[in-house]
């Protein structure tokens, strides 16, 4: 947790930063804003790869989010960098492959300690720790993935909320 009045910073990481991680970024921010803590949390996202840098979120991601009253219209994909370890309190992987890459990129124990797997916070995950990549799936899969992300982000936010409130 950051000290003083600095906001809690979390970055969500997937492959190309156009499907899963933008969803998590927006949903997590919504949870903070819904309880009046929007100014105490900074939520961002990044990809492990650089294929989509500068692009908007996938149109199916945007549509799924819009159907559930979330807005990611200003999102632009970017690649995760070492600076993300420095600038964030928590680095959240969307699947075990991303988690493995982030551990490989970690420079020290401090970086390692910041890495978490999103669904590991969700008691409803029942051991299924990966948020599946909907990119090559039917559009309906984006809604399924969003549901998983909402459930996991809710659980993560509930765990972090007391510490975030304590910094007021």
Foldseek 3Di string as FASTA:
>chain_A
DDAAQAAAEEEEEEAFQQAQRLLLQQLLLCVCVVVPNNSRYHYYYAYQDHPQAQHHHPPLRQVLCVVVPTHRRVDGYHHDDPVCLVPHQAYEYQAVVVLVVQVVVDPDPSSNVRYDQQCVLAPVCVPVRHLDDCPPPDSVSSNVSSVSSNRSSVSVCVVCVVVSVVND
